[in-house]
Amino acid sequence: KYAENMYYFSELALTLNAPENGTAPTDSRRRPDQRLMENGRWDEANAEKQRLEEKQRLSRKRREAEAARATEDGTPCDPYKPLWFERRKDPVTQELAHVYKGGYWESKEKQDWSLCPDIF
């Protein structure tokens, strides 16, 4: 109903980003810039998006610097790994794919998000 007033998105498209209680703090539906945009607060949304992107850049630079130091020192460096996925070769296509390795639903049930990074 009234989809023409919502950028001509279908009802499905409009509900895909609907907030859901109890999701991980890293869930993309919690992106503050997206919420601001959805509420028509464009200037604030753009500023927030810039803040998030800069935060991501700094995080990446920190990881890269740690890896470089570890290489120089000869110490082991644990690279970034997704929490709930692992990269494996697909047995059919032989291409690398991210495959769910478990843990998300257990964390959601317990509401224990202590392993989640602060990305927003």
Protein backbone atom coordinates (compact mmCIF):
# COMPACT_ATOMS: atom_id res chain seq x y z
CA LYS A 1 0.00 0.00 0.00
CA TYR A 2 1.31 3.48 -0.97
CA ALA A 3 4.44 1.94 -2.55
CA GLU A 4 4.53 4.81 -5.06
CA ASN A 5 5.29 7.12 -2.13
CA MET A 6 8.19 4.92 -1.03
CA TYR A 7 10.47 5.27 -4.07
CA TYR A 8 8.38 2.69 -5.97
CA PHE A 9 9.76 -0.15 -3.85
CA SER A 10 7.62 -3.24 -3.56
CA GLU A 11 6.21 -4.17 -0.16
CA LEU A 12 8.81 -6.95 0.05
CA ALA A 13 11.66 -4.52 -0.64
CA LEU A 14 10.32 -2.13 1.98
CA THR A 15 10.12 -4.81 4.66
CA LEU A 16 13.52 -6.42 4.03
CA ASN A 17 15.20 -3.73 6.09
CA ALA A 18 12.62 -3.65 8.87
CA PRO A 19 14.24 -3.65 12.33
CA GLU A 20 14.06 -6.89 14.28
CA ASN A 21 14.62 -7.20 18.01
CA GLY A 22 17.40 -9.43 19.25
CA THR A 23 19.65 -9.34 16.19
CA ALA A 24 23.41 -9.05 16.33
CA PRO A 25 24.83 -5.55 16.79
CA THR A 26 26.55 -6.07 13.42
CA ASP A 27 23.24 -6.69 11.60
CA SER A 28 23.05 -4.31 8.63
CA ARG A 29 19.52 -3.33 9.64
CA ARG A 30 21.11 -1.48 12.56
CA ARG A 31 23.16 0.83 10.33
CA PRO A 32 22.52 4.28 11.76
CA ASP A 33 23.07 6.03 8.43
CA GLN A 34 20.46 3.85 6.78
CA ARG A 35 17.90 4.56 9.51
CA LEU A 36 18.51 8.29 9.17
CA MET A 37 18.08 8.07 5.41
CA GLU A 38 14.86 6.08 5.77
CA ASN A 39 13.55 8.82 8.03
CA GLY A 40 14.37 11.48 5.44
CA ARG A 41 17.22 13.02 7.42
CA TRP A 42 19.55 13.15 4.41
CA ASP A 43 22.26 15.49 5.70
CA GLU A 44 22.62 13.57 8.95
CA ALA A 45 22.60 10.28 7.03
CA ASN A 46 25.42 11.45 4.76
CA ALA A 47 27.48 12.66 7.72
CA GLU A 48 26.91 9.36 9.53
CA LYS A 49 27.86 7.38 6.43
CA GLN A 50 31.13 9.32 6.22
CA ARG A 51 31.80 8.59 9.91
CA LEU A 52 31.17 4.86 9.43
CA GLU A 53 33.38 4.69 6.35
CA GLU A 54 36.22 6.44 8.16
CA LYS A 55 35.82 4.05 11.10
CA GLN A 56 36.07 1.11 8.67
CA ARG A 57 39.17 2.59 7.03
CA LEU A 58 40.89 3.05 10.40
CA SER A 59 40.03 -0.50 11.41
CA ARG A 60 41.46 -1.88 8.18
CA LYS A 61 44.63 0.22 8.57
CA ARG A 62 45.04 -1.05 12.13
CA ARG A 63 44.76 -4.67 10.96
CA GLU A 64 47.21 -4.04 8.12
CA ALA A 65 49.70 -2.39 10.49
CA GLU A 66 49.43 -5.31 12.93
CA ALA A 67 50.03 -7.77 10.08
CA ALA A 68 53.05 -5.78 8.87
CA ARG A 69 54.53 -5.65 12.40
CA ALA A 70 53.98 -9.37 12.82
CA THR A 71 55.71 -10.05 9.51
CA GLU A 72 58.70 -7.93 10.53
CA ASP A 73 58.91 -9.51 13.99
CA GLY A 74 58.27 -13.01 12.73
CA THR A 75 55.41 -13.37 15.19
CA PRO A 76 52.15 -15.05 14.17
CA CYS A 77 49.35 -12.76 13.10
CA ASP A 78 45.77 -13.90 13.24
CA PRO A 79 44.04 -12.31 10.21
CA TYR A 80 40.49 -11.11 10.35
CA LYS A 81 37.99 -13.95 10.19
CA PRO A 82 34.22 -13.67 9.88
CA LEU A 83 32.37 -14.91 12.95
CA TRP A 84 29.79 -17.15 11.36
CA PHE A 85 31.21 -17.97 7.94
CA GLU A 86 34.30 -19.64 6.56
CA ARG A 87 35.75 -19.57 3.10
CA ARG A 88 35.61 -22.96 1.40
CA LYS A 89 35.78 -24.30 -2.10
CA ASP A 90 32.35 -25.16 -3.42
CA PRO A 91 32.38 -28.87 -4.31
CA VAL A 92 30.26 -28.29 -7.43
CA THR A 93 31.62 -25.03 -8.87
CA GLN A 94 35.12 -25.30 -7.39
CA GLU A 95 34.88 -21.58 -6.57
CA LEU A 96 35.64 -20.10 -3.15
CA ALA A 97 32.49 -19.25 -1.25
CA HIS A 98 31.60 -18.12 2.26
CA VAL A 99 29.73 -20.96 3.95
CA TYR A 100 27.85 -20.66 7.22
CA LYS A 101 29.83 -22.44 9.95
CA GLY A 102 27.34 -22.06 12.78
CA GLY A 103 27.05 -20.04 15.96
CA TYR A 104 24.75 -17.19 14.98
CA TRP A 105 21.48 -18.79 16.03
CA GLU A 106 23.02 -19.99 19.30
CA SER A 107 24.27 -16.47 20.03
CA LYS A 108 20.88 -15.04 19.15
CA GLU A 109 19.09 -17.49 21.42
CA LYS A 110 21.41 -16.61 24.33
CA GLN A 111 21.54 -12.92 23.33
CA ASP A 112 25.31 -13.19 23.73
CA TRP A 113 26.93 -10.90 21.18
CA SER A 114 30.23 -10.56 23.03
CA LEU A 115 32.22 -11.81 20.00
CA CYS A 116 30.79 -9.14 17.68
CA PRO A 117 33.07 -6.25 16.77
CA ASP A 118 31.91 -2.65 17.19
CA ILE A 119 31.32 -1.73 13.56
CA PHE A 120 28.78 1.06 13.92
